[in-house]
Amino acid sequence: MVGREWRSRLEDHCAALKGHRVVWWQDTDLYLVKLMRSSKRRRNTNVQQK
């Protein structure tokens, strides 16, 4: 169970585990990453305001 949670968190940040190391994806679309982070930030601020 914990492994799936970590994998999804790493995918959110465009990273993966390679052995015991965290490696960043080389083919990451920076605009897409920016959109994902901004939407996540917006959701977090909406939850905190309630």
PDB file of N, CA and C in Angstrom:
ATOM      1  N   MET A   1       0.821  -1.200   0.000  1.00  0.00           N
ATOM      2  CA  MET A   1       0.000   0.000   0.000  1.00  0.00           C
ATOM      3  C   MET A   1       0.864   1.263   0.000  1.00  0.00           C
ATOM      4  N   VAL A   2       1.846   1.284   0.840  1.00  0.00           N
ATOM      5  CA  VAL A   2       2.700   2.460   0.935  1.00  0.00           C
ATOM      6  C   VAL A   2       3.468   2.682  -0.361  1.00  0.00           C
ATOM      7  N   GLY A   3       3.877   1.622  -1.020  1.00  0.00           N
ATOM      8  CA  GLY A   3       4.624   1.747  -2.259  1.00  0.00           C
ATOM      9  C   GLY A   3       3.845   2.470  -3.338  1.00  0.00           C
ATOM     10  N   ARG A   4       2.551   2.192  -3.432  1.00  0.00           N
ATOM     11  CA  ARG A   4       1.717   2.860  -4.433  1.00  0.00           C
ATOM     12  C   ARG A   4       1.604   4.351  -4.140  1.00  0.00           C
ATOM     13  N   GLU A   5       1.476   4.702  -2.873  1.00  0.00           N
ATOM     14  CA  GLU A   5       1.369   6.110  -2.501  1.00  0.00           C
ATOM     15  C   GLU A   5       2.649   6.861  -2.870  1.00  0.00           C
ATOM     16  N   TRP A   6       3.784   6.249  -2.602  1.00  0.00           N
ATOM     17  CA  TRP A   6       5.058   6.884  -2.939  1.00  0.00           C
ATOM     18  C   TRP A   6       5.211   7.035  -4.439  1.00  0.00           C
ATOM     19  N   ARG A   7       4.832   6.000  -5.179  1.00  0.00           N
ATOM     20  CA  ARG A   7       4.945   6.077  -6.634  1.00  0.00           C
ATOM     21  C   ARG A   7       4.092   7.201  -7.200  1.00  0.00           C
ATOM     22  N   SER A   8       2.877   7.349  -6.692  1.00  0.00           N
ATOM     23  CA  SER A   8       2.008   8.412  -7.198  1.00  0.00           C
ATOM     24  C   SER A   8       2.560   9.781  -6.829  1.00  0.00           C
ATOM     25  N   ARG A   9       3.138   9.907  -5.634  1.00  0.00           N
ATOM     26  CA  ARG A   9       3.751  11.186  -5.238  1.00  0.00           C
ATOM     27  C   ARG A   9       4.935  11.517  -6.138  1.00  0.00           C
ATOM     28  N   LEU A  10       5.739  10.522  -6.434  1.00  0.00           N
ATOM     29  CA  LEU A  10       6.890  10.748  -7.305  1.00  0.00           C
ATOM     30  C   LEU A  10       6.438  11.126  -8.710  1.00  0.00           C
ATOM     31  N   GLU A  11       5.396  10.476  -9.209  1.00  0.00           N
ATOM     32  CA  GLU A  11       4.880  10.810 -10.533  1.00  0.00           C
ATOM     33  C   GLU A  11       4.352  12.238 -10.570  1.00  0.00           C
ATOM     34  N   ASP A  12       3.744  12.682  -9.477  1.00  0.00           N
ATOM     35  CA  ASP A  12       3.263  14.060  -9.412  1.00  0.00           C
ATOM     36  C   ASP A  12       4.399  15.056  -9.578  1.00  0.00           C
ATOM     37  N   HIS A  13       5.568  14.677  -9.110  1.00  0.00           N
ATOM     38  CA  HIS A  13       6.732  15.562  -9.175  1.00  0.00           C
ATOM     39  C   HIS A  13       7.692  15.168 -10.285  1.00  0.00           C
ATOM     40  N   CYS A  14       7.226  14.354 -11.223  1.00  0.00           N
ATOM     41  CA  CYS A  14       8.018  13.949 -12.397  1.00  0.00           C
ATOM     42  C   CYS A  14       9.330  13.286 -11.995  1.00  0.00           C
ATOM     43  N   ALA A  15       9.217  12.325 -11.109  1.00  0.00           N
ATOM     44  CA  ALA A  15      10.390  11.588 -10.658  1.00  0.00           C
ATOM     45  C   ALA A  15      10.037  10.107 -10.564  1.00  0.00           C
ATOM     46  N   ALA A  16      11.058   9.279 -10.420  1.00  0.00           N
ATOM     47  CA  ALA A  16      10.852   7.842 -10.289  1.00  0.00           C
ATOM     48  C   ALA A  16      11.968   7.262  -9.433  1.00  0.00           C
ATOM     49  N   LEU A  17      11.740   6.077  -8.913  1.00  0.00           N
ATOM     50  CA  LEU A  17      12.776   5.377  -8.166  1.00  0.00           C
ATOM     51  C   LEU A  17      13.567   4.497  -9.109  1.00  0.00           C
ATOM     52  N   LYS A  18      14.862   4.570  -8.991  1.00  0.00           N
ATOM     53  CA  LYS A  18      15.754   3.703  -9.763  1.00  0.00           C
ATOM     54  C   LYS A  18      16.687   3.060  -8.753  1.00  0.00           C
ATOM     55  N   GLY A  19      16.341   1.821  -8.391  1.00  0.00           N
ATOM     56  CA  GLY A  19      17.079   1.177  -7.300  1.00  0.00           C
ATOM     57  C   GLY A  19      16.713   1.866  -5.999  1.00  0.00           C
ATOM     58  N   HIS A  20      17.690   2.451  -5.338  1.00  0.00           N
ATOM     59  CA  HIS A  20      17.432   3.163  -4.093  1.00  0.00           C
ATOM     60  C   HIS A  20      17.546   4.678  -4.252  1.00  0.00           C
ATOM     61  N   ARG A  21      17.596   5.154  -5.515  1.00  0.00           N
ATOM     62  CA  ARG A  21      17.750   6.582  -5.779  1.00  0.00           C
ATOM     63  C   ARG A  21      16.500   7.162  -6.417  1.00  0.00           C
ATOM     64  N   VAL A  22      16.286   8.429  -6.201  1.00  0.00           N
ATOM     65  CA  VAL A  22      15.222   9.159  -6.880  1.00  0.00           C
ATOM     66  C   VAL A  22      15.842   9.844  -8.087  1.00  0.00           C
ATOM     67  N   VAL A  23      15.276   9.598  -9.255  1.00  0.00           N
ATOM     68  CA  VAL A  23      15.777  10.228 -10.480  1.00  0.00           C
ATOM     69  C   VAL A  23      14.647  11.046 -11.096  1.00  0.00           C
ATOM     70  N   TRP A  24      15.002  12.189 -11.655  1.00  0.00           N
ATOM     71  CA  TRP A  24      14.037  13.073 -12.289  1.00  0.00           C
ATOM     72  C   TRP A  24      13.885  12.687 -13.749  1.00  0.00           C
ATOM     73  N   TRP A  25      12.681  12.787 -14.276  1.00  0.00           N
ATOM     74  CA  TRP A  25      12.423  12.475 -15.665  1.00  0.00           C
ATOM     75  C   TRP A  25      13.125  13.498 -16.549  1.00  0.00           C
ATOM     76  N   GLN A  26      13.699  13.034 -17.632  1.00  0.00           N
ATOM     77  CA  GLN A  26      14.379  13.928 -18.557  1.00  0.00           C
ATOM     78  C   GLN A  26      13.430  14.540 -19.577  1.00  0.00           C
ATOM     79  N   ASP A  27      12.334  13.858 -19.881  1.00  0.00           N
ATOM     80  CA  ASP A  27      11.412  14.329 -20.924  1.00  0.00           C
ATOM     81  C   ASP A  27      10.181  15.028 -20.355  1.00  0.00           C
ATOM     82  N   THR A  28      10.353  15.722 -19.253  1.00  0.00           N
ATOM     83  CA  THR A  28       9.238  16.369 -18.588  1.00  0.00           C
ATOM     84  C   THR A  28       8.833  17.634 -19.327  1.00  0.00           C
ATOM     85  N   ASP A  29       7.541  17.778 -19.525  1.00  0.00           N
ATOM     86  CA  ASP A  29       7.006  19.001 -20.104  1.00  0.00           C
ATOM     87  C   ASP A  29       6.861  20.022 -18.977  1.00  0.00           C
ATOM     88  N   LEU A  30       7.693  21.045 -18.962  1.00  0.00           N
ATOM     89  CA  LEU A  30       7.735  21.996 -17.861  1.00  0.00           C
ATOM     90  C   LEU A  30       6.429  22.764 -17.709  1.00  0.00           C
ATOM     91  N   TYR A  31       5.761  23.041 -18.798  1.00  0.00           N
ATOM     92  CA  TYR A  31       4.479  23.736 -18.718  1.00  0.00           C
ATOM     93  C   TYR A  31       3.434  22.873 -18.015  1.00  0.00           C
ATOM     94  N   LEU A  32       3.418  21.588 -18.330  1.00  0.00           N
ATOM     95  CA  LEU A  32       2.484  20.672 -17.684  1.00  0.00           C
ATOM     96  C   LEU A  32       2.764  20.575 -16.193  1.00  0.00           C
ATOM     97  N   VAL A  33       4.023  20.515 -15.819  1.00  0.00           N
ATOM     98  CA  VAL A  33       4.394  20.467 -14.398  1.00  0.00           C
ATOM     99  C   VAL A  33       3.913  21.730 -13.692  1.00  0.00           C
ATOM    100  N   LYS A  34       4.089  22.874 -14.337  1.00  0.00           N
ATOM    101  CA  LYS A  34       3.647  24.136 -13.749  1.00  0.00           C
ATOM    102  C   LYS A  34       2.138  24.137 -13.544  1.00  0.00           C
ATOM    103  N   LEU A  35       1.384  23.636 -14.519  1.00  0.00           N
ATOM    104  CA  LEU A  35      -0.068  23.562 -14.387  1.00  0.00           C
ATOM    105  C   LEU A  35      -0.492  22.636 -13.252  1.00  0.00           C
ATOM    106  N   MET A  36       0.156  21.476 -13.157  1.00  0.00           N
ATOM    107  CA  MET A  36      -0.184  20.527 -12.091  1.00  0.00           C
ATOM    108  C   MET A  36       0.084  21.127 -10.723  1.00  0.00           C
ATOM    109  N   ARG A  37       1.226  21.771 -10.562  1.00  0.00           N
ATOM    110  CA  ARG A  37       1.572  22.356  -9.266  1.00  0.00           C
ATOM    111  C   ARG A  37       0.632  23.501  -8.906  1.00  0.00           C
ATOM    112  N   SER A  38       0.257  24.314  -9.882  1.00  0.00           N
ATOM    113  CA  SER A  38      -0.631  25.432  -9.575  1.00  0.00           C
ATOM    114  C   SER A  38      -2.026  24.933  -9.195  1.00  0.00           C
ATOM    115  N   SER A  39      -2.514  23.897  -9.873  1.00  0.00           N
ATOM    116  CA  SER A  39      -3.830  23.365  -9.520  1.00  0.00           C
ATOM    117  C   SER A  39      -3.800  22.709  -8.139  1.00  0.00           C
ATOM    118  N   LYS A  40      -2.694  22.045  -7.823  1.00  0.00           N
ATOM    119  CA  LYS A  40      -2.554  21.442  -6.501  1.00  0.00           C
ATOM    120  C   LYS A  40      -2.509  22.515  -5.413  1.00  0.00           C
ATOM    121  N   ARG A  41      -1.784  23.587  -5.696  1.00  0.00           N
ATOM    122  CA  ARG A  41      -1.672  24.689  -4.744  1.00  0.00           C
ATOM    123  C   ARG A  41      -3.045  25.333  -4.524  1.00  0.00           C
ATOM    124  N   ARG A  42      -3.800  25.496  -5.605  1.00  0.00           N
ATOM    125  CA  ARG A  42      -5.127  26.083  -5.508  1.00  0.00           C
ATOM    126  C   ARG A  42      -6.047  25.203  -4.678  1.00  0.00           C
ATOM    127  N   ARG A  43      -5.983  23.885  -4.892  1.00  0.00           N
ATOM    128  CA  ARG A  43      -6.818  22.971  -4.094  1.00  0.00           C
ATOM    129  C   ARG A  43      -6.456  23.045  -2.621  1.00  0.00           C
ATOM    130  N   ASN A  44      -5.168  23.091  -2.318  1.00  0.00           N
ATOM    131  CA  ASN A  44      -4.720  23.126  -0.934  1.00  0.00           C
ATOM    132  C   ASN A  44      -5.152  24.416  -0.241  1.00  0.00           C
ATOM    133  N   THR A  45      -5.102  25.539  -0.919  1.00  0.00           N
ATOM    134  CA  THR A  45      -5.530  26.791  -0.293  1.00  0.00           C
ATOM    135  C   THR A  45      -7.024  26.816  -0.099  1.00  0.00           C
ATOM    136  N   ASN A  46      -7.799  26.220  -1.006  1.00  0.00           N
ATOM    137  CA  ASN A  46      -9.254  26.153  -0.839  1.00  0.00           C
ATOM    138  C   ASN A  46      -9.628  25.296   0.350  1.00  0.00           C
ATOM    139  N   VAL A  47      -8.912  24.212   0.582  1.00  0.00           N
ATOM    140  CA  VAL A  47      -9.199  23.335   1.714  1.00  0.00           C
ATOM    141  C   VAL A  47      -8.855  24.027   3.022  1.00  0.00           C
ATOM    142  N   GLN A  48      -7.758  24.761   3.057  1.00  0.00           N
ATOM    143  CA  GLN A  48      -7.325  25.427   4.276  1.00  0.00           C
ATOM    144  C   GLN A  48      -8.254  26.586   4.640  1.00  0.00           C
ATOM    145  N   GLN A  49      -8.878  27.223   3.670  1.00  0.00           N
ATOM    146  CA  GLN A  49      -9.765  28.345   3.937  1.00  0.00           C
ATOM    147  C   GLN A  49     -11.086  27.906   4.524  1.00  0.00           C
ATOM    148  N   LYS A  50     -11.518  26.689   4.279  1.00  0.00           N
ATOM    149  CA  LYS A  50     -12.827  26.215   4.758  1.00  0.00           C
ATOM    150  C   LYS A  50     -12.832  25.954   6.232  1.00  0.00           C
TER     151      LYS A  50
END
